[in-house]
Protein backbone atom coordinates (compact mmCIF):
# COMPACT_ATOMS: atom_id res chain seq x y z
CA GLU A 1 0.00 0.00 0.00
CA HIS A 2 1.59 3.28 -1.07
CA GLU A 3 1.19 6.44 0.90
CA ASP A 4 -1.22 9.07 -0.39
CA THR A 5 -0.34 12.38 -2.06
CA SER A 6 -3.13 14.41 -0.52
CA LEU A 7 -1.11 15.70 2.44
CA LEU A 8 1.68 16.86 0.15
CA LEU A 9 -0.66 18.52 -2.31
CA GLN A 10 -2.72 20.27 0.34
CA PRO A 11 -0.57 23.42 0.64
CA LEU A 12 -0.72 23.84 -3.13
CA LEU A 13 -4.50 23.92 -3.01
CA GLU A 14 -4.25 27.03 -0.88
CA GLY A 15 -1.98 28.87 -3.30
CA GLN A 16 1.27 27.88 -1.59
CA ASP A 17 4.32 26.62 -3.42
CA TYR A 18 5.53 23.70 -1.37
CA GLY A 19 8.93 23.50 -2.99
CA ALA A 20 9.60 27.22 -2.78
CA ALA A 21 8.46 27.32 0.83
CA ALA A 22 10.79 24.47 1.70
CA ALA A 23 13.69 26.08 -0.07
CA GLY A 24 13.14 29.25 1.91
CA GLY A 25 12.93 27.37 5.20
CA THR A 26 9.85 25.87 6.77
CA GLN A 27 8.79 27.93 9.75
CA CYS A 28 6.76 26.78 12.74
CA PRO A 29 4.16 29.49 13.36
CA SER A 30 2.25 29.79 16.57
CA GLY A 31 -1.38 28.83 16.76
CA ALA A 32 -3.50 25.74 16.79
CA VAL A 33 -2.39 22.63 14.96
CA SER A 34 -4.59 21.86 11.97
CA ARG A 35 -4.51 20.03 8.72
CA ASN A 36 -4.48 23.40 6.98
CA ASN A 37 -1.15 24.31 8.56
CA PRO A 38 1.42 22.04 6.85
CA ALA A 39 4.47 23.90 8.24
CA LYS A 40 3.28 23.36 11.81
CA ARG A 41 2.43 19.75 11.04
CA ASP A 42 5.89 19.07 9.60
CA CYS A 43 7.59 20.58 12.66
CA LEU A 44 5.48 18.40 14.98
CA VAL A 45 6.33 15.30 12.96
CA VAL A 46 10.04 16.08 13.26
CA ALA A 47 9.67 16.71 17.02
CA VAL A 48 8.02 13.31 17.51
CA LEU A 49 10.69 11.58 15.42
CA CYS A 50 13.46 13.30 17.40
CA PHE A 51 11.89 12.20 20.69
CA GLY A 52 11.77 8.63 19.42
CA ASN A 53 15.41 8.85 18.35
CA LEU A 54 16.33 10.07 21.84
CA ILE A 55 14.70 7.02 23.45
CA ASN A 56 16.22 4.73 20.84
CA PHE A 57 19.77 5.71 21.79
CA ILE A 58 19.10 5.88 25.51
CA ASP A 59 18.14 2.20 25.32
CA TRP A 60 21.22 1.53 23.20
CA PHE A 61 23.65 2.83 25.86
CA ILE A 62 22.04 1.75 29.12
CA VAL A 63 24.28 -1.34 29.27
CA PRO A 64 27.60 0.55 28.83
CA GLY A 65 26.46 3.02 31.48
CA ILE A 66 26.34 0.29 34.15
CA LEU A 67 28.86 -2.09 32.62
CA LEU A 68 30.82 -2.58 35.84
CA ASP A 69 27.66 -3.67 37.68
CA ILE A 70 26.55 -6.01 34.90
CA GLN A 71 30.02 -7.53 34.53
CA LYS A 72 30.18 -8.22 38.24
CA TYR A 73 26.54 -9.42 38.52
CA PHE A 74 26.92 -12.09 35.82
CA GLY A 75 30.64 -12.76 36.52
CA LEU A 76 31.78 -11.96 32.96
CA SER A 77 35.20 -11.68 31.33
CA ASP A 78 35.94 -8.74 29.02
CA GLY A 79 35.16 -10.88 25.98
CA LYS A 80 31.73 -12.01 27.23
CA THR A 81 30.94 -8.47 28.36
CA GLY A 82 31.64 -7.12 24.87
CA LEU A 83 29.36 -9.82 23.46
CA LEU A 84 26.33 -7.99 24.91
CA GLN A 85 26.74 -5.02 22.60
CA THR A 86 27.87 -7.20 19.71
CA VAL A 87 24.66 -9.28 19.81
CA PHE A 88 22.59 -6.11 20.03
CA THR A 89 24.29 -4.63 16.98
CA LEU A 90 24.22 -7.86 14.96
CA CYS A 91 20.46 -8.18 15.38
CA TYR A 92 20.09 -4.46 14.63
CA MET A 93 21.99 -4.68 11.36
CA LEU A 94 20.38 -7.94 10.19
CA ALA A 95 16.92 -6.51 10.77
CA ALA A 96 17.69 -3.20 9.01
CA PRO A 97 17.43 -4.50 5.39
CA ILE A 98 14.08 -6.11 6.19
CA PHE A 99 12.69 -2.84 7.52
CA GLY A 100 14.25 -0.96 4.61
CA TYR A 101 12.38 -3.23 2.18
CA LEU A 102 9.12 -2.79 4.12
CA GLY A 103 9.64 0.96 4.52
CA ASP A 104 9.95 1.47 0.76
CA ARG A 105 6.69 -0.38 0.13
CA TYR A 106 4.32 -0.16 3.12
CA ASN A 107 3.02 2.32 5.66
CA ARG A 108 5.93 3.70 7.64
CA LYS A 109 3.94 5.00 10.60
CA ILE A 110 2.70 1.51 11.45
CA ILE A 111 6.22 0.08 11.21
CA LEU A 112 7.61 2.82 13.48
CA GLY A 113 4.89 2.31 16.08
CA ALA A 114 5.38 -1.45 16.14
CA GLY A 115 9.13 -1.00 16.58
CA ILE A 116 8.75 1.37 19.55
CA PHE A 117 6.23 -0.94 21.25
CA PHE A 118 8.42 -3.99 20.72
CA TRP A 119 11.74 -2.64 21.97
CA SER A 120 10.13 -0.91 24.98
CA GLY A 121 8.42 -4.12 26.05
CA VAL A 122 11.59 -6.19 25.74
CA THR A 123 13.63 -3.60 27.67
CA LEU A 124 11.14 -3.74 30.52
CA GLY A 125 11.19 -7.53 30.54
CA SER A 126 15.01 -7.65 30.67
CA SER A 127 14.98 -5.82 34.01
CA PHE A 128 13.65 -8.95 35.73
CA ILE A 129 16.37 -11.37 34.53
CA THR A 130 18.43 -13.01 37.30
CA GLU A 131 22.17 -13.74 37.41
CA SER A 132 21.66 -17.39 36.42
CA HIS A 133 20.11 -16.44 33.06
CA TYR A 134 22.88 -14.55 31.29
CA ARG A 135 21.95 -16.05 27.91
CA ILE A 136 18.40 -14.76 28.21
CA PHE A 137 19.79 -11.32 28.98
CA VAL A 138 21.95 -11.50 25.84
CA LEU A 139 18.87 -12.56 23.83
CA SER A 140 16.88 -9.62 25.19
CA ARG A 141 19.55 -7.19 23.99
CA GLY A 142 19.34 -8.73 20.52
CA LEU A 143 15.56 -8.28 20.45
CA VAL A 144 15.92 -4.62 21.48
CA GLY A 145 18.29 -4.21 18.54
CA ILE A 146 15.63 -5.52 16.14
CA GLY A 147 13.12 -2.94 17.38
CA SER A 148 15.69 -0.14 17.12
CA ALA A 149 16.45 -1.06 13.50
CA SER A 150 12.89 -0.27 12.42
CA TYR A 151 13.26 3.27 13.73
CA SER A 152 16.74 4.13 12.51
CA THR A 153 15.97 2.84 9.00
CA ILE A 154 12.67 4.57 8.36
CA ALA A 155 12.56 7.81 10.35
CA PRO A 156 15.19 9.66 8.25
CA THR A 157 13.28 8.92 5.03
CA ILE A 158 10.17 10.61 6.44
CA ILE A 159 12.24 13.73 7.12
CA ALA A 160 13.65 13.54 3.60
CA ASP A 161 10.12 13.54 2.19
CA LEU A 162 8.97 16.50 4.29
CA PHE A 163 11.77 18.92 3.41
CA GLU A 164 13.63 19.97 0.28
CA GLU A 165 17.41 19.69 0.10
CA GLY A 166 18.32 23.12 1.50
CA LYS A 167 16.18 22.71 4.61
CA ARG A 168 16.71 18.96 4.87
CA THR A 169 20.34 19.21 6.06
CA THR A 170 19.31 21.43 8.97
CA VAL A 171 16.42 19.18 9.98
CA LEU A 172 18.55 16.05 9.71
CA SER A 173 21.15 17.74 11.89
CA ILE A 174 18.50 18.30 14.55
CA PHE A 175 17.39 14.66 14.23
CA TYR A 176 20.94 13.32 14.50
CA ILE A 177 21.79 15.53 17.45
CA PHE A 178 19.71 13.06 19.44
CA ILE A 179 22.21 10.28 18.69
CA PRO A 180 24.88 11.73 21.03
CA VAL A 181 22.26 13.28 23.31
CA GLY A 182 20.47 9.94 23.68
CA SER A 183 23.76 8.10 24.05
CA GLY A 184 24.94 10.45 26.78
CA CYS A 185 21.57 10.34 28.52
CA GLY A 186 21.76 6.54 28.42
CA TYR A 187 25.02 6.59 30.38
CA MET A 188 23.78 9.19 32.83
CA LEU A 189 20.33 7.70 33.33
CA ALA A 190 21.70 4.20 33.89
CA ALA A 191 24.41 5.35 36.29
CA GLY A 192 22.09 7.74 38.13
CA VAL A 193 19.25 5.24 38.58
CA ALA A 194 21.64 2.46 39.64
CA LYS A 195 23.25 4.75 42.21
CA SER A 196 19.98 6.11 43.60
CA THR A 197 18.24 2.73 43.87
CA GLY A 198 21.25 0.54 44.62
CA ASP A 199 20.02 -1.91 41.96
CA TRP A 200 21.09 -1.62 38.30
CA HIS A 201 17.94 -3.45 37.13
CA TRP A 202 15.89 -0.28 37.66
CA ALA A 203 17.82 1.41 34.86
CA PHE A 204 15.86 -0.77 32.41
CA ARG A 205 12.46 0.30 33.80
CA VAL A 206 12.55 4.01 32.93
CA THR A 207 12.76 4.08 29.12
CA PRO A 208 9.71 1.81 28.55
CA CYS A 209 7.57 4.58 30.08
CA MET A 210 9.17 7.09 27.70
CA GLY A 211 8.57 4.65 24.83
CA GLY A 212 4.87 4.53 25.69
CA LEU A 213 4.69 8.32 25.50
CA ALA A 214 6.53 8.32 22.14
CA LEU A 215 4.07 5.76 20.78
CA LEU A 216 1.11 7.89 21.88
CA LEU A 217 2.58 11.01 20.24
CA LEU A 218 3.27 9.04 17.06
CA ILE A 219 -0.36 7.93 16.88
CA LEU A 220 -1.79 11.40 17.58
CA LEU A 221 0.55 13.75 15.72
CA VAL A 222 2.14 11.91 12.78
CA PRO A 223 -0.03 11.64 9.63
CA HIS A 224 -0.97 8.11 8.66
CA ARG A 225 0.39 8.68 5.16
CA ILE A 226 3.29 10.86 4.05
CA GLN A 227 3.97 11.11 0.33
CA ARG A 228 7.25 9.64 -0.89
CA LYS A 229 8.60 12.32 -3.19
CA THR A 230 10.43 11.40 -6.35
CA ALA A 231 12.81 13.76 -8.12
CA ALA A 232 10.21 14.38 -10.84
CA HIS A 233 7.57 15.15 -8.25
CA ARG A 234 9.82 17.70 -6.58
CA ALA A 235 10.41 19.40 -9.91
CA LEU A 236 6.69 19.60 -10.65
CA SER A 237 5.97 20.89 -7.16
CA ILE A 238 8.55 23.66 -7.41
CA SER A 239 7.35 24.74 -10.85
CA GLY A 240 3.74 24.91 -9.63
CA MET A 241 2.49 22.32 -12.13
CA ILE A 242 0.68 20.19 -9.56
CA GLY A 243 -2.98 20.97 -9.46
CA ARG A 244 -5.89 19.52 -7.56
CA ALA A 245 -5.52 16.84 -4.90
CA ASP A 246 -7.74 14.48 -6.85
CA GLU A 247 -5.34 14.56 -9.81
CA LYS A 248 -2.84 11.76 -9.28
CA PRO A 249 -0.61 11.46 -12.32
CA ASP A 250 1.77 8.55 -12.77
CA VAL A 251 4.72 10.62 -11.59
CA HIS A 252 3.51 10.23 -8.01
CA ARG A 253 3.51 6.47 -8.12
CA THR A 254 6.52 4.62 -6.81
CA THR A 255 7.79 1.94 -9.15
CA ARG A 256 7.93 -1.48 -7.57
CA THR A 257 11.34 -3.05 -7.99
CA THR A 258 12.91 -6.09 -6.40
CA TRP A 259 15.27 -5.67 -3.50
CA CYS A 260 18.07 -7.27 -5.53
CA GLN A 261 17.59 -4.69 -8.30
CA ASP A 262 17.80 -1.87 -5.76
CA VAL A 263 20.95 -3.29 -4.16
CA GLY A 264 22.53 -3.90 -7.58
CA SER A 265 22.03 -0.25 -8.46
CA LEU A 266 23.42 0.95 -5.12
CA VAL A 267 26.66 -1.07 -5.24
CA LYS A 268 27.47 0.62 -8.57
CA ASN A 269 27.23 3.99 -6.87
CA CYS A 270 30.84 4.77 -5.88
CA SER A 271 29.93 7.67 -3.58
CA PHE A 272 27.45 5.50 -1.70
CA VAL A 273 29.93 2.62 -1.34
CA CYS A 274 32.91 4.74 -0.24
CA SER A 275 30.90 6.90 2.18
CA SER A 276 29.34 3.74 3.66
CA LEU A 277 32.83 2.31 4.28
CA GLY A 278 33.82 5.60 5.92
CA LEU A 279 30.74 5.37 8.10
CA THR A 280 31.74 1.78 8.92
CA ALA A 281 35.03 3.04 10.35
CA MET A 282 33.10 5.64 12.35
CA ALA A 283 30.79 2.92 13.67
CA PHE A 284 33.75 0.74 14.65
CA VAL A 285 35.31 3.53 16.68
CA THR A 286 32.10 4.80 18.30
CA GLY A 287 30.97 1.26 19.13
CA ALA A 288 34.22 0.47 20.91
CA LEU A 289 34.35 3.83 22.71
CA GLY A 290 30.71 3.65 23.71
CA MET A 291 31.05 0.19 25.22
CA TRP A 292 34.46 0.31 26.87
CA MET A 293 35.53 3.91 27.56
CA PRO A 294 33.92 4.29 31.04
CA LEU A 295 35.50 0.97 32.09
CA PHE A 296 38.87 2.01 30.61
CA LEU A 297 38.75 5.31 32.51
CA TYR A 298 37.91 3.44 35.72
CA ARG A 299 40.91 1.10 35.28
CA ALA A 300 43.17 4.07 34.57
CA GLN A 301 42.01 5.72 37.80
CA VAL A 302 42.59 2.50 39.76
CA VAL A 303 46.18 2.27 38.43
CA GLN A 304 46.79 5.91 39.39
CA GLY A 305 45.36 5.25 42.86
CA LEU A 306 42.54 7.75 42.40
CA VAL A 307 39.78 5.22 43.11
CA PRO A 308 39.77 1.82 44.85
CA PRO A 309 38.91 -1.44 43.02
CA CYS A 310 35.21 -2.27 42.90
CA LEU A 311 34.46 -4.69 45.73
CA GLN A 312 30.95 -3.49 46.60
CA ASP A 313 27.54 -4.51 45.29
CA SER A 314 27.17 -1.23 43.38
CA CYS A 315 30.31 0.01 41.60
CA ASN A 316 31.40 3.63 41.15
CA SER A 317 29.60 5.00 38.08
CA SER A 318 31.05 8.51 38.08
CA ASN A 319 32.95 7.87 34.83
CA SER A 320 29.69 6.97 33.09
CA LEU A 321 28.16 10.24 34.26
CA ILE A 322 31.17 12.27 33.06
CA PHE A 323 31.50 10.39 29.79
CA GLY A 324 27.75 10.78 29.21
CA GLY A 325 28.04 14.53 29.70
CA ILE A 326 30.98 14.67 27.29
CA THR A 327 29.04 12.65 24.72
CA ILE A 328 26.05 14.99 24.90
CA GLY A 329 28.07 18.21 24.76
CA THR A 330 30.48 17.20 22.02
CA GLY A 331 27.71 15.53 20.04
CA ILE A 332 25.50 18.62 19.91
CA LEU A 333 28.42 20.93 19.17
CA GLY A 334 29.90 18.57 16.57
CA ILE A 335 26.71 17.99 14.62
CA ILE A 336 25.87 21.70 14.56
CA ALA A 337 29.42 22.55 13.51
CA GLY A 338 29.36 19.88 10.79
CA ALA A 339 26.07 21.08 9.36
CA GLU A 340 27.17 24.72 9.39
CA ALA A 341 30.54 23.90 7.83
CA ALA A 342 28.79 21.91 5.11
CA ARG A 343 26.33 24.74 4.44
CA ARG A 344 29.08 27.31 4.04
CA LEU A 345 31.66 25.25 2.18
CA ARG A 346 29.19 23.83 -0.37
CA LYS A 347 28.96 27.33 -1.82
CA ILE A 348 32.62 27.25 -2.81
CA ASN A 349 33.31 23.53 -3.25
CA ASN A 350 30.93 20.86 -4.51
CA LYS A 351 33.04 18.20 -2.78
CA ALA A 352 32.80 19.89 0.62
CA ASP A 353 30.76 17.18 2.38
CA PRO A 354 33.15 14.21 1.94
CA LEU A 355 36.18 16.46 2.53
CA ILE A 356 34.71 17.63 5.85
CA CYS A 357 34.14 13.99 6.85
CA ALA A 358 37.69 12.98 5.88
CA THR A 359 39.34 15.82 7.78
CA SER A 360 37.30 15.24 10.94
CA MET A 361 38.11 11.50 10.92
CA PHE A 362 41.86 12.13 10.68
CA ILE A 363 41.79 14.65 13.54
CA SER A 364 39.57 12.38 15.67
CA ALA A 365 41.96 9.43 15.24
CA LEU A 366 44.90 11.56 16.37
CA CYS A 367 43.03 12.84 19.46
CA LEU A 368 41.97 9.34 20.50
CA TYR A 369 45.52 8.02 20.17
CA ILE A 370 46.87 10.82 22.39
CA ALA A 371 44.09 10.18 24.94
CA LEU A 372 45.10 6.52 25.21
CA MET A 373 48.79 7.31 25.61
CA VAL A 374 48.35 9.81 28.49
CA ALA A 375 45.70 7.81 30.37
CA GLN A 376 48.10 6.24 32.86
CA THR A 377 49.68 9.51 33.96
CA ASN A 378 47.09 12.28 33.55
CA ILE A 379 43.40 11.47 33.68
CA LEU A 380 42.35 15.09 33.04
CA SER A 381 44.26 15.19 29.75
CA THR A 382 42.61 11.88 28.82
CA PHE A 383 39.15 13.38 29.29
CA ILE A 384 40.11 16.44 27.24
CA PHE A 385 41.44 14.48 24.27
CA ILE A 386 38.52 12.04 24.40
CA ALA A 387 36.20 15.04 24.21
CA PHE A 388 37.98 16.35 21.12
CA GLY A 389 37.97 12.89 19.55
CA GLU A 390 34.21 12.55 20.05
CA LEU A 391 33.66 16.12 18.87
CA PHE A 392 35.25 15.48 15.47
CA LEU A 393 33.49 12.12 15.12
CA SER A 394 30.13 13.84 15.71
CA VAL A 395 30.81 16.33 12.91
CA ASN A 396 30.06 13.58 10.40
CA TRP A 397 26.69 12.16 11.48
CA ALA A 398 24.29 14.42 9.60
CA VAL A 399 26.72 15.10 6.74
CA VAL A 400 27.12 11.40 5.88
CA THR A 401 23.36 10.87 5.79
CA ASP A 402 22.89 13.91 3.58
CA ILE A 403 25.49 12.54 1.16
CA LEU A 404 23.41 9.37 0.87
CA LEU A 405 20.18 11.28 0.33
CA TYR A 406 21.52 13.28 -2.62
CA VAL A 407 23.51 10.54 -4.37
CA VAL A 408 20.67 7.98 -4.18
CA THR A 409 17.32 8.30 -5.97
CA PRO A 410 14.40 8.92 -3.55
CA ARG A 411 12.61 5.64 -4.24
CA ARG A 412 15.69 3.68 -3.10
CA GLN A 413 16.52 5.74 -0.01
CA SER A 414 15.05 3.41 2.62
CA THR A 415 16.85 0.48 1.03
CA ALA A 416 20.08 2.51 0.81
CA ILE A 417 19.89 3.51 4.47
CA ALA A 418 19.15 -0.10 5.44
CA LEU A 419 22.07 -1.39 3.37
CA GLN A 420 24.37 1.24 4.84
CA ILE A 421 23.26 0.22 8.34
CA LEU A 422 23.92 -3.43 7.49
CA VAL A 423 27.45 -2.82 6.17
CA SER A 424 28.51 -0.23 8.75
CA HIS A 425 27.39 -2.38 11.66
CA LEU A 426 28.51 -5.72 10.21
CA LEU A 427 32.07 -4.47 9.73
CA GLY A 428 31.90 -1.75 12.38
CA ASP A 429 30.34 -1.66 15.82
CA ALA A 430 28.87 -5.17 15.65
CA GLY A 431 32.33 -6.61 16.12
CA SER A 432 34.37 -3.83 17.72
CA PRO A 433 33.06 -4.21 21.34
CA TYR A 434 33.72 -7.96 21.28
CA LEU A 435 37.04 -7.55 19.41
CA ILE A 436 38.37 -5.02 21.93
CA GLY A 437 37.32 -7.30 24.79
CA ALA A 438 38.83 -10.38 23.12
CA ILE A 439 42.16 -8.62 22.50
CA SER A 440 42.14 -7.45 26.11
CA ASN A 441 41.54 -11.03 27.29
CA ALA A 442 44.38 -12.35 25.13
CA ILE A 443 46.84 -9.76 26.49
CA GLN A 444 45.82 -10.47 30.09
CA ALA A 445 46.22 -14.22 29.51
CA ARG A 446 49.86 -13.72 28.49
CA ASN A 447 50.75 -11.78 31.63
CA ALA A 448 50.42 -12.22 35.38
CA PRO A 449 47.03 -11.02 36.72
CA SER A 450 47.37 -7.50 38.08
CA LEU A 451 45.61 -4.15 38.09
CA GLN A 452 48.39 -2.78 35.89
CA TRP A 453 47.86 -5.37 33.15
CA SER A 454 44.08 -5.07 33.47
CA PHE A 455 44.55 -1.44 32.42
CA ARG A 456 47.27 -2.01 29.83
CA SER A 457 45.36 -4.78 28.08
CA MET A 458 42.47 -2.41 27.46
CA GLN A 459 44.83 0.41 26.48
CA TYR A 460 46.65 -1.67 23.87
CA SER A 461 43.45 -3.08 22.42
CA PHE A 462 41.99 0.43 22.10
CA VAL A 463 44.85 1.54 19.84
CA THR A 464 43.07 -0.43 17.09
CA CYS A 465 40.40 2.29 17.01
CA ALA A 466 42.88 5.02 16.12
CA PHE A 467 44.14 3.11 13.08
CA VAL A 468 40.61 2.28 11.93
CA GLY A 469 39.76 5.98 12.16
CA VAL A 470 42.59 6.78 9.73
CA PHE A 471 41.19 4.24 7.24
CA GLY A 472 37.76 5.88 7.60
CA GLY A 473 39.22 9.25 6.66
CA GLY A 474 40.74 7.65 3.58
CA PHE A 475 37.38 6.27 2.43
CA PHE A 476 35.74 9.68 2.79
CA LEU A 477 38.60 11.14 0.76
CA LEU A 478 37.81 8.62 -2.00
CA THR A 479 34.16 9.67 -1.86
CA SER A 480 35.14 13.20 -2.88
CA PHE A 481 36.37 11.89 -6.25
CA TYR A 482 32.94 10.52 -7.22
CA VAL A 483 30.36 12.61 -5.37
CA GLU A 484 29.70 15.23 -8.09
CA GLU A 485 29.05 12.70 -10.83
CA ASP A 486 26.84 10.47 -8.64
CA ARG A 487 24.83 13.47 -7.47
CA LYS A 488 24.08 14.51 -11.04
CA GLU A 489 23.09 10.94 -11.91
CA ALA A 490 20.65 10.79 -8.99
CA GLN A 491 19.08 14.10 -10.08
CA ARG A 492 18.63 12.77 -13.59
């Protein structure tokens, strides 16, 4: 069932030029919400989608926020601890192509609502799992990943259909700000709830309530059908050629193609392939940092004698709170800076987007390497360089997605996003948490057990992230060689 054109055509019935209005910037006027106020409606839709994205990433990073407690509760090694996030990400990435296929063909509001309901219910259920059922806890994290995939795959395509290219980058930046904000809130919420209640299980009982509210807002405020715009439709809209709502020419109809045909077309798109590999490197680094950095900081502090080893029922979660705050602050600043840099530099260089991504990846890799090297002697410098590393990583989030949206034809965007999610997580953060933990285990096994080697094993395994970041910058640099040609092809 394809989504109707009536909501898109409605502003044109009232003498408004939808394309021109979008190009000039959709404003959110005050006053009552009504069907006759498309600008207000679009802003409300984006607000609901951003709230859902916030909850999505809070759930994603609850486990890293209380990793010490979970590791001690189940009696896990570093390798088995990393497996928690790896299973989550594997299920997330395997489910993404399925939701991409469904999102290109069926009603996206229903899919989003089902995803929110599913992952919220599973998160609540996981809070009642006992220490003897570690495998069930791992399974629950995988199921949460499936629910999250439905949201991350489909929500950006709705934004892409609501706004033209000039406004779309800004709106996507707002949407993707909630990746670091949600991630940071996940650390802080988990650590704060565990500390206040004395039981880490309660950290998994807060977000389901937020998920219920998001589902209610989705039902009440998001239109049941949002038109998928094709390039031809945008051209007709801007030129004012679209007439009455009851006129539905063939240009509005999405051509049904097989998933294999869509994928075959995408793998020939060099900009899409190279930028996806760059995003894969980003995912590898952020996945490893997100899972292990609070624990690494804790071990560094133990070696320096700043904090005692965790021997109590509830471990010190101050590093999760600090790292969560850093993630929020650098994420917001980085995404805003990336979007603004892209807006300004596009005027003088058509290759600005991939060049921004490449530069930020190189700088981020350098900052992370320095942070790892000074961790044993100066914890303050470690926090500072970690903050800069995360800042430059965050520059890329909205820019990478915008690259995809203008080098891929609109009717393949959900599939493209799903495929990008599959590749970036398969080769990126699906394996990096487990890989870092496994390398740490191997180093510890070759040396006498001690607090010093517990720290060094994690330090040496983390160096992998700096080198992967350099490779990511190289892939974005390759993207700059193809982006102009692929963009023109998508417009044609």
